[in-house]
Amino acid sequence: MRRYFISTVLVLNIVIALSAIIAQTSEQPKWITTPVKELVDQARAATKQVTVEDLKKALDAKEAGLLLLDVREPKEYEAAHIPGAVNAPRGLLEFEIWSVAPDRNKKIFVYCKTGVRAALATKLLNELGYKNAVSVDTGAIAWMQAGYPLQTDIADEEVVIVPIKKEAGASTNLQ
Protein backbone atom coordinates (compact mmCIF):
# COMPACT_ATOMS: atom_id res chain seq x y z
CA MET A 1 0.00 0.00 0.00
CA ARG A 2 2.84 2.37 0.89
CA ARG A 3 4.56 1.64 -2.43
CA TYR A 4 1.31 2.40 -4.32
CA PHE A 5 0.97 5.71 -2.43
CA ILE A 6 4.58 6.70 -3.19
CA SER A 7 4.14 5.79 -6.87
CA THR A 8 0.92 7.81 -7.06
CA VAL A 9 2.55 10.86 -5.46
CA LEU A 10 5.53 10.52 -7.80
CA VAL A 11 3.32 10.35 -10.89
CA LEU A 12 1.27 13.36 -9.74
CA ASN A 13 4.46 15.35 -9.17
CA ILE A 14 5.67 14.46 -12.65
CA VAL A 15 2.34 15.45 -14.21
CA ILE A 16 2.45 18.79 -12.38
CA ALA A 17 6.08 19.37 -13.44
CA LEU A 18 5.30 18.52 -17.06
CA SER A 19 2.28 20.85 -16.98
CA ALA A 20 4.58 23.64 -15.76
CA ILE A 21 6.99 22.91 -18.61
CA ILE A 22 4.16 23.19 -21.13
CA ALA A 23 3.03 26.48 -19.59
CA GLN A 24 6.57 27.87 -19.88
CA THR A 25 6.74 27.07 -23.59
CA SER A 26 3.91 29.48 -24.35
CA GLU A 27 6.29 32.37 -23.62
CA GLN A 28 8.72 33.35 -26.36
CA PRO A 29 12.31 32.55 -25.32
CA LYS A 30 14.84 35.39 -25.32
CA TRP A 31 17.14 33.70 -27.85
CA ILE A 32 14.45 34.13 -30.55
CA THR A 33 15.49 37.78 -30.89
CA THR A 34 19.24 37.05 -31.12
CA PRO A 35 21.58 35.73 -33.83
CA VAL A 36 21.00 32.27 -32.33
CA LYS A 37 17.64 32.11 -34.13
CA GLU A 38 19.45 32.29 -37.46
CA LEU A 39 21.81 29.50 -36.33
CA VAL A 40 18.85 27.31 -35.35
CA ASP A 41 17.02 28.09 -38.61
CA GLN A 42 20.14 27.12 -40.58
CA ALA A 43 20.45 23.85 -38.63
CA ARG A 44 16.80 23.01 -39.31
CA ALA A 45 17.21 23.79 -43.01
CA ALA A 46 20.36 21.66 -43.25
CA THR A 47 18.92 18.57 -41.52
CA LYS A 48 16.05 16.20 -42.05
CA GLN A 49 13.19 17.08 -39.72
CA VAL A 50 10.57 14.52 -38.68
CA THR A 51 7.46 14.76 -36.52
CA VAL A 52 6.70 12.93 -33.26
CA GLU A 53 4.19 10.93 -35.27
CA ASP A 54 7.01 9.78 -37.60
CA LEU A 55 9.06 8.80 -34.56
CA LYS A 56 6.13 6.92 -33.00
CA LYS A 57 5.61 4.96 -36.24
CA ALA A 58 9.30 4.02 -36.36
CA LEU A 59 9.27 2.91 -32.71
CA ASP A 60 6.03 0.95 -33.14
CA ALA A 61 7.49 -0.76 -36.23
CA LYS A 62 10.52 -1.70 -34.10
CA GLU A 63 12.88 -0.58 -36.86
CA ALA A 64 16.09 -2.60 -36.59
CA GLY A 65 19.13 -0.68 -35.37
CA LEU A 66 17.24 2.50 -34.56
CA LEU A 67 18.78 4.73 -31.88
CA LEU A 68 16.61 7.23 -30.02
CA LEU A 69 18.93 9.97 -28.76
CA ASP A 70 17.82 12.45 -26.09
CA VAL A 71 20.19 15.45 -26.15
CA ARG A 72 18.73 17.23 -23.12
CA GLU A 73 20.58 17.59 -19.83
CA PRO A 74 20.72 14.50 -17.55
CA LYS A 75 18.24 15.94 -15.02
CA GLU A 76 15.71 16.61 -17.79
CA TYR A 77 16.20 13.05 -19.06
CA GLU A 78 15.76 11.55 -15.58
CA ALA A 79 12.55 13.52 -14.98
CA ALA A 80 10.84 12.16 -18.11
CA HIS A 81 12.01 10.75 -21.42
CA ILE A 82 10.69 8.70 -24.30
CA PRO A 83 11.00 5.00 -23.39
CA GLY A 84 14.11 3.44 -24.91
CA ALA A 85 15.94 6.74 -25.34
CA VAL A 86 19.65 7.08 -24.63
CA ASN A 87 20.89 10.33 -23.09
CA ALA A 88 23.87 12.17 -24.58
CA PRO A 89 23.63 15.88 -23.70
CA ARG A 90 24.19 18.25 -26.61
CA GLY A 91 27.11 19.89 -24.81
CA LEU A 92 28.98 16.57 -24.70
CA LEU A 93 27.60 14.99 -27.86
CA GLU A 94 30.76 14.97 -29.95
CA PHE A 95 32.57 13.16 -27.13
CA GLU A 96 29.84 10.68 -26.14
CA ILE A 97 28.35 9.71 -29.51
CA TRP A 98 31.23 7.37 -30.32
CA SER A 99 30.39 5.06 -27.42
CA VAL A 100 26.63 5.29 -28.03
CA ALA A 101 26.71 4.90 -31.83
CA PRO A 102 30.07 3.86 -33.27
CA ASP A 103 28.38 2.97 -36.59
CA ARG A 104 27.91 6.22 -38.54
CA ASN A 105 25.32 4.55 -40.77
CA LYS A 106 22.98 3.93 -37.83
CA LYS A 107 19.47 5.43 -38.02
CA ILE A 108 19.31 8.03 -35.22
CA PHE A 109 16.25 10.00 -34.13
CA VAL A 110 17.45 13.02 -32.12
CA TYR A 111 15.08 14.82 -29.78
CA CYS A 112 15.11 17.41 -27.01
CA LYS A 113 12.39 19.45 -25.27
CA THR A 114 11.17 21.56 -28.22
CA GLY A 115 13.31 20.58 -31.22
CA VAL A 116 15.86 23.40 -31.05
CA ARG A 117 18.76 21.50 -29.44
CA ALA A 118 17.84 18.46 -31.55
CA ALA A 119 18.28 20.45 -34.78
CA LEU A 120 21.68 21.74 -33.66
CA ALA A 121 22.74 18.28 -32.46
CA THR A 122 21.59 16.61 -35.68
CA LYS A 123 23.57 19.12 -37.74
CA LEU A 124 26.65 18.29 -35.66
CA LEU A 125 26.06 14.55 -36.11
CA ASN A 126 25.77 15.05 -39.88
CA GLU A 127 29.04 17.00 -39.84
CA LEU A 128 30.65 14.11 -37.93
CA GLY A 129 29.57 11.73 -40.70
CA TYR A 130 26.33 10.31 -39.31
CA LYS A 131 24.35 10.00 -42.55
CA ASN A 132 21.04 8.82 -41.08
CA ALA A 133 20.54 11.21 -38.16
CA VAL A 134 17.19 13.01 -38.20
CA SER A 135 15.80 15.66 -35.87
CA VAL A 136 12.41 15.38 -34.18
CA ASP A 137 11.13 18.87 -34.96
CA THR A 138 8.93 19.50 -31.92
CA GLY A 139 10.48 17.33 -29.21
CA ALA A 140 9.36 15.82 -25.93
CA ILE A 141 6.65 18.39 -25.26
CA ALA A 142 4.82 17.50 -28.47
CA TRP A 143 5.37 13.79 -27.69
CA MET A 144 3.66 14.24 -24.33
CA GLN A 145 0.88 16.42 -25.77
CA ALA A 146 0.16 13.68 -28.32
CA GLY A 147 -0.49 11.33 -25.40
CA TYR A 148 2.51 9.09 -26.06
CA PRO A 149 4.20 7.36 -23.10
CA LEU A 150 7.06 8.84 -21.10
CA GLN A 151 9.42 7.11 -18.73
CA THR A 152 11.04 8.45 -15.59
CA ASP A 153 14.08 7.31 -13.64
CA ILE A 154 13.45 9.49 -10.58
CA ALA A 155 12.24 6.58 -8.47
CA ASP A 156 14.38 3.55 -7.68
CA GLU A 157 12.52 1.80 -10.47
CA GLU A 158 11.52 2.78 -13.99
CA VAL A 159 8.00 4.17 -14.23
CA VAL A 160 6.26 4.54 -17.58
CA ILE A 161 3.71 7.34 -17.67
CA VAL A 162 0.93 7.12 -20.21
CA PRO A 163 -0.79 10.51 -20.37
CA ILE A 164 -4.56 10.56 -20.70
CA LYS A 165 -5.58 12.22 -23.94
CA LYS A 166 -7.75 15.23 -23.24
CA GLU A 167 -11.18 15.09 -24.86
CA ALA A 168 -12.46 18.19 -26.61
CA GLY A 169 -13.90 20.59 -24.05
CA ALA A 170 -12.60 18.62 -21.05
CA SER A 171 -10.91 20.49 -18.22
CA THR A 172 -7.37 19.58 -17.14
CA ASN A 173 -7.16 21.74 -14.02
CA LEU A 174 -5.22 20.05 -11.22
CA GLN A 175 -5.99 21.43 -7.80
C-alpha atoms as a PDB file:
ATOM      1  CA  MET A   1       0.000   0.000   0.000  1.00  0.00           C
ATOM      2  CA  ARG A   2       2.840   2.370   0.895  1.00  0.00           C
ATOM      3  CA  ARG A   3       4.565   1.641  -2.430  1.00  0.00           C
ATOM      4  CA  TYR A   4       1.313   2.398  -4.315  1.00  0.00           C
ATOM      5  CA  PHE A   5       0.974   5.714  -2.435  1.00  0.00           C
ATOM      6  CA  ILE A   6       4.582   6.705  -3.195  1.00  0.00           C
ATOM      7  CA  SER A   7       4.143   5.792  -6.874  1.00  0.00           C
ATOM      8  CA  THR A   8       0.916   7.812  -7.055  1.00  0.00           C
ATOM      9  CA  VAL A   9       2.553  10.857  -5.463  1.00  0.00           C
ATOM     10  CA  LEU A  10       5.533  10.521  -7.802  1.00  0.00           C
ATOM     11  CA  VAL A  11       3.324  10.352 -10.894  1.00  0.00           C
ATOM     12  CA  LEU A  12       1.271  13.356  -9.738  1.00  0.00           C
ATOM     13  CA  ASN A  13       4.458  15.351  -9.174  1.00  0.00           C
ATOM     14  CA  ILE A  14       5.674  14.459 -12.647  1.00  0.00           C
ATOM     15  CA  VAL A  15       2.341  15.451 -14.207  1.00  0.00           C
ATOM     16  CA  ILE A  16       2.445  18.793 -12.377  1.00  0.00           C
ATOM     17  CA  ALA A  17       6.083  19.367 -13.445  1.00  0.00           C
ATOM     18  CA  LEU A  18       5.297  18.522 -17.062  1.00  0.00           C
ATOM     19  CA  SER A  19       2.276  20.853 -16.978  1.00  0.00           C
ATOM     20  CA  ALA A  20       4.579  23.644 -15.760  1.00  0.00           C
ATOM     21  CA  ILE A  21       6.988  22.913 -18.613  1.00  0.00           C
ATOM     22  CA  ILE A  22       4.158  23.187 -21.132  1.00  0.00           C
ATOM     23  CA  ALA A  23       3.031  26.484 -19.594  1.00  0.00           C
ATOM     24  CA  GLN A  24       6.571  27.870 -19.882  1.00  0.00           C
ATOM     25  CA  THR A  25       6.737  27.075 -23.587  1.00  0.00           C
ATOM     26  CA  SER A  26       3.912  29.483 -24.351  1.00  0.00           C
ATOM     27  CA  GLU A  27       6.290  32.368 -23.620  1.00  0.00           C
ATOM     28  CA  GLN A  28       8.719  33.351 -26.361  1.00  0.00           C
ATOM     29  CA  PRO A  29      12.306  32.551 -25.323  1.00  0.00           C
ATOM     30  CA  LYS A  30      14.839  35.393 -25.319  1.00  0.00           C
ATOM     31  CA  TRP A  31      17.138  33.697 -27.850  1.00  0.00           C
ATOM     32  CA  ILE A  32      14.450  34.133 -30.546  1.00  0.00           C
ATOM     33  CA  THR A  33      15.494  37.783 -30.889  1.00  0.00           C
ATOM     34  CA  THR A  34      19.242  37.054 -31.115  1.00  0.00           C
ATOM     35  CA  PRO A  35      21.577  35.732 -33.829  1.00  0.00           C
ATOM     36  CA  VAL A  36      20.999  32.267 -32.326  1.00  0.00           C
ATOM     37  CA  LYS A  37      17.639  32.112 -34.130  1.00  0.00           C
ATOM     38  CA  GLU A  38      19.454  32.290 -37.465  1.00  0.00           C
ATOM     39  CA  LEU A  39      21.810  29.499 -36.334  1.00  0.00           C
ATOM     40  CA  VAL A  40      18.848  27.312 -35.355  1.00  0.00           C
ATOM     41  CA  ASP A  41      17.016  28.091 -38.610  1.00  0.00           C
ATOM     42  CA  GLN A  42      20.139  27.124 -40.578  1.00  0.00           C
ATOM     43  CA  ALA A  43      20.451  23.850 -38.629  1.00  0.00           C
ATOM     44  CA  ARG A  44      16.803  23.011 -39.308  1.00  0.00           C
ATOM     45  CA  ALA A  45      17.206  23.794 -43.009  1.00  0.00           C
ATOM     46  CA  ALA A  46      20.361  21.657 -43.252  1.00  0.00           C
ATOM     47  CA  THR A  47      18.923  18.572 -41.522  1.00  0.00           C
ATOM     48  CA  LYS A  48      16.054  16.198 -42.048  1.00  0.00           C
ATOM     49  CA  GLN A  49      13.186  17.084 -39.722  1.00  0.00           C
ATOM     50  CA  VAL A  50      10.571  14.520 -38.680  1.00  0.00           C
ATOM     51  CA  THR A  51       7.457  14.756 -36.519  1.00  0.00           C
ATOM     52  CA  VAL A  52       6.702  12.935 -33.265  1.00  0.00           C
ATOM     53  CA  GLU A  53       4.185  10.928 -35.267  1.00  0.00           C
ATOM     54  CA  ASP A  54       7.010   9.778 -37.598  1.00  0.00           C
ATOM     55  CA  LEU A  55       9.064   8.800 -34.557  1.00  0.00           C
ATOM     56  CA  LYS A  56       6.133   6.919 -33.000  1.00  0.00           C
ATOM     57  CA  LYS A  57       5.607   4.964 -36.235  1.00  0.00           C
ATOM     58  CA  ALA A  58       9.302   4.015 -36.360  1.00  0.00           C
ATOM     59  CA  LEU A  59       9.265   2.914 -32.710  1.00  0.00           C
ATOM     60  CA  ASP A  60       6.027   0.950 -33.143  1.00  0.00           C
ATOM     61  CA  ALA A  61       7.489  -0.764 -36.225  1.00  0.00           C
ATOM     62  CA  LYS A  62      10.524  -1.696 -34.100  1.00  0.00           C
ATOM     63  CA  GLU A  63      12.880  -0.585 -36.861  1.00  0.00           C
ATOM     64  CA  ALA A  64      16.090  -2.595 -36.590  1.00  0.00           C
ATOM     65  CA  GLY A  65      19.133  -0.685 -35.373  1.00  0.00           C
ATOM     66  CA  LEU A  66      17.238   2.498 -34.558  1.00  0.00           C
ATOM     67  CA  LEU A  67      18.782   4.729 -31.883  1.00  0.00           C
ATOM     68  CA  LEU A  68      16.611   7.227 -30.021  1.00  0.00           C
ATOM     69  CA  LEU A  69      18.927   9.965 -28.763  1.00  0.00           C
ATOM     70  CA  ASP A  70      17.823  12.453 -26.088  1.00  0.00           C
ATOM     71  CA  VAL A  71      20.186  15.454 -26.153  1.00  0.00           C
ATOM     72  CA  ARG A  72      18.731  17.227 -23.117  1.00  0.00           C
ATOM     73  CA  GLU A  73      20.579  17.586 -19.832  1.00  0.00           C
ATOM     74  CA  PRO A  74      20.716  14.504 -17.554  1.00  0.00           C
ATOM     75  CA  LYS A  75      18.244  15.942 -15.019  1.00  0.00           C
ATOM     76  CA  GLU A  76      15.712  16.605 -17.791  1.00  0.00           C
ATOM     77  CA  TYR A  77      16.204  13.049 -19.065  1.00  0.00           C
ATOM     78  CA  GLU A  78      15.758  11.547 -15.584  1.00  0.00           C
ATOM     79  CA  ALA A  79      12.551  13.516 -14.983  1.00  0.00           C
ATOM     80  CA  ALA A  80      10.837  12.157 -18.106  1.00  0.00           C
ATOM     81  CA  HIS A  81      12.011  10.746 -21.419  1.00  0.00           C
ATOM     82  CA  ILE A  82      10.694   8.701 -24.299  1.00  0.00           C
ATOM     83  CA  PRO A  83      10.996   4.997 -23.395  1.00  0.00           C
ATOM     84  CA  GLY A  84      14.109   3.439 -24.913  1.00  0.00           C
ATOM     85  CA  ALA A  85      15.938   6.743 -25.338  1.00  0.00           C
ATOM     86  CA  VAL A  86      19.652   7.080 -24.630  1.00  0.00           C
ATOM     87  CA  ASN A  87      20.891  10.328 -23.090  1.00  0.00           C
ATOM     88  CA  ALA A  88      23.866  12.168 -24.583  1.00  0.00           C
ATOM     89  CA  PRO A  89      23.629  15.878 -23.703  1.00  0.00           C
ATOM     90  CA  ARG A  90      24.187  18.249 -26.605  1.00  0.00           C
ATOM     91  CA  GLY A  91      27.115  19.891 -24.814  1.00  0.00           C
ATOM     92  CA  LEU A  92      28.983  16.571 -24.697  1.00  0.00           C
ATOM     93  CA  LEU A  93      27.603  14.991 -27.856  1.00  0.00           C
ATOM     94  CA  GLU A  94      30.763  14.973 -29.949  1.00  0.00           C
ATOM     95  CA  PHE A  95      32.567  13.157 -27.130  1.00  0.00           C
ATOM     96  CA  GLU A  96      29.837  10.680 -26.137  1.00  0.00           C
ATOM     97  CA  ILE A  97      28.351   9.715 -29.510  1.00  0.00           C
ATOM     98  CA  TRP A  98      31.233   7.370 -30.321  1.00  0.00           C
ATOM     99  CA  SER A  99      30.386   5.063 -27.420  1.00  0.00           C
ATOM    100  CA  VAL A 100      26.634   5.285 -28.028  1.00  0.00           C
ATOM    101  CA  ALA A 101      26.708   4.904 -31.826  1.00  0.00           C
ATOM    102  CA  PRO A 102      30.075   3.863 -33.269  1.00  0.00           C
ATOM    103  CA  ASP A 103      28.376   2.975 -36.593  1.00  0.00           C
ATOM    104  CA  ARG A 104      27.913   6.217 -38.538  1.00  0.00           C
ATOM    105  CA  ASN A 105      25.320   4.548 -40.773  1.00  0.00           C
ATOM    106  CA  LYS A 106      22.977   3.927 -37.826  1.00  0.00           C
ATOM    107  CA  LYS A 107      19.469   5.432 -38.021  1.00  0.00           C
ATOM    108  CA  ILE A 108      19.312   8.034 -35.224  1.00  0.00           C
ATOM    109  CA  PHE A 109      16.253   9.997 -34.129  1.00  0.00           C
ATOM    110  CA  VAL A 110      17.447  13.019 -32.121  1.00  0.00           C
ATOM    111  CA  TYR A 111      15.078  14.823 -29.778  1.00  0.00           C
ATOM    112  CA  CYS A 112      15.106  17.414 -27.005  1.00  0.00           C
ATOM    113  CA  LYS A 113      12.393  19.449 -25.272  1.00  0.00           C
ATOM    114  CA  THR A 114      11.174  21.555 -28.218  1.00  0.00           C
ATOM    115  CA  GLY A 115      13.312  20.584 -31.221  1.00  0.00           C
ATOM    116  CA  VAL A 116      15.864  23.396 -31.047  1.00  0.00           C
ATOM    117  CA  ARG A 117      18.758  21.495 -29.445  1.00  0.00           C
ATOM    118  CA  ALA A 118      17.836  18.459 -31.547  1.00  0.00           C
ATOM    119  CA  ALA A 119      18.275  20.449 -34.781  1.00  0.00           C
ATOM    120  CA  LEU A 120      21.679  21.744 -33.658  1.00  0.00           C
ATOM    121  CA  ALA A 121      22.744  18.283 -32.458  1.00  0.00           C
ATOM    122  CA  THR A 122      21.591  16.611 -35.677  1.00  0.00           C
ATOM    123  CA  LYS A 123      23.566  19.121 -37.742  1.00  0.00           C
ATOM    124  CA  LEU A 124      26.650  18.290 -35.659  1.00  0.00           C
ATOM    125  CA  LEU A 125      26.058  14.550 -36.114  1.00  0.00           C
ATOM    126  CA  ASN A 126      25.767  15.047 -39.879  1.00  0.00           C
ATOM    127  CA  GLU A 127      29.039  17.004 -39.840  1.00  0.00           C
ATOM    128  CA  LEU A 128      30.649  14.112 -37.934  1.00  0.00           C
ATOM    129  CA  GLY A 129      29.574  11.733 -40.695  1.00  0.00           C
ATOM    130  CA  TYR A 130      26.326  10.310 -39.309  1.00  0.00           C
ATOM    131  CA  LYS A 131      24.353   9.997 -42.549  1.00  0.00           C
ATOM    132  CA  ASN A 132      21.038   8.818 -41.078  1.00  0.00           C
ATOM    133  CA  ALA A 133      20.542  11.208 -38.163  1.00  0.00           C
ATOM    134  CA  VAL A 134      17.189  13.013 -38.198  1.00  0.00           C
ATOM    135  CA  SER A 135      15.802  15.665 -35.870  1.00  0.00           C
ATOM    136  CA  VAL A 136      12.410  15.384 -34.183  1.00  0.00           C
ATOM    137  CA  ASP A 137      11.132  18.874 -34.961  1.00  0.00           C
ATOM    138  CA  THR A 138       8.928  19.500 -31.922  1.00  0.00           C
ATOM    139  CA  GLY A 139      10.477  17.327 -29.212  1.00  0.00           C
ATOM    140  CA  ALA A 140       9.361  15.823 -25.928  1.00  0.00           C
ATOM    141  CA  ILE A 141       6.654  18.386 -25.256  1.00  0.00           C
ATOM    142  CA  ALA A 142       4.821  17.500 -28.472  1.00  0.00           C
ATOM    143  CA  TRP A 143       5.372  13.794 -27.695  1.00  0.00           C
ATOM    144  CA  MET A 144       3.656  14.237 -24.327  1.00  0.00           C
ATOM    145  CA  GLN A 145       0.877  16.418 -25.767  1.00  0.00           C
ATOM    146  CA  ALA A 146       0.162  13.683 -28.321  1.00  0.00           C
ATOM    147  CA  GLY A 147      -0.489  11.332 -25.405  1.00  0.00           C
ATOM    148  CA  TYR A 148       2.508   9.087 -26.056  1.00  0.00           C
ATOM    149  CA  PRO A 149       4.204   7.364 -23.095  1.00  0.00           C
ATOM    150  CA  LEU A 150       7.056   8.843 -21.103  1.00  0.00           C
ATOM    151  CA  GLN A 151       9.419   7.108 -18.729  1.00  0.00           C
ATOM    152  CA  THR A 152      11.044   8.446 -15.586  1.00  0.00           C
ATOM    153  CA  ASP A 153      14.077   7.307 -13.641  1.00  0.00           C
ATOM    154  CA  ILE A 154      13.451   9.494 -10.578  1.00  0.00           C
ATOM    155  CA  ALA A 155      12.244   6.575  -8.466  1.00  0.00           C
ATOM    156  CA  ASP A 156      14.379   3.547  -7.683  1.00  0.00           C
ATOM    157  CA  GLU A 157      12.518   1.799 -10.473  1.00  0.00           C
ATOM    158  CA  GLU A 158      11.517   2.776 -13.986  1.00  0.00           C
ATOM    159  CA  VAL A 159       8.000   4.165 -14.227  1.00  0.00           C
ATOM    160  CA  VAL A 160       6.259   4.540 -17.576  1.00  0.00           C
ATOM    161  CA  ILE A 161       3.709   7.340 -17.667  1.00  0.00           C
ATOM    162  CA  VAL A 162       0.933   7.116 -20.212  1.00  0.00           C
ATOM    163  CA  PRO A 163      -0.794  10.508 -20.372  1.00  0.00           C
ATOM    164  CA  ILE A 164      -4.563  10.556 -20.703  1.00  0.00           C
ATOM    165  CA  LYS A 165      -5.583  12.220 -23.941  1.00  0.00           C
ATOM    166  CA  LYS A 166      -7.754  15.225 -23.244  1.00  0.00           C
ATOM    167  CA  GLU A 167     -11.185  15.089 -24.864  1.00  0.00           C
ATOM    168  CA  ALA A 168     -12.460  18.192 -26.608  1.00  0.00           C
ATOM    169  CA  GLY A 169     -13.904  20.591 -24.052  1.00  0.00           C
ATOM    170  CA  ALA A 170     -12.602  18.625 -21.054  1.00  0.00           C
ATOM    171  CA  SER A 171     -10.908  20.488 -18.221  1.00  0.00           C
ATOM    172  CA  THR A 172      -7.365  19.582 -17.138  1.00  0.00           C
ATOM    173  CA  ASN A 173      -7.162  21.737 -14.015  1.00  0.00           C
ATOM    174  CA  LEU A 174      -5.216  20.047 -11.216  1.00  0.00           C
ATOM    175  CA  GLN A 175      -5.986  21.429  -7.802  1.00  0.00           C
END
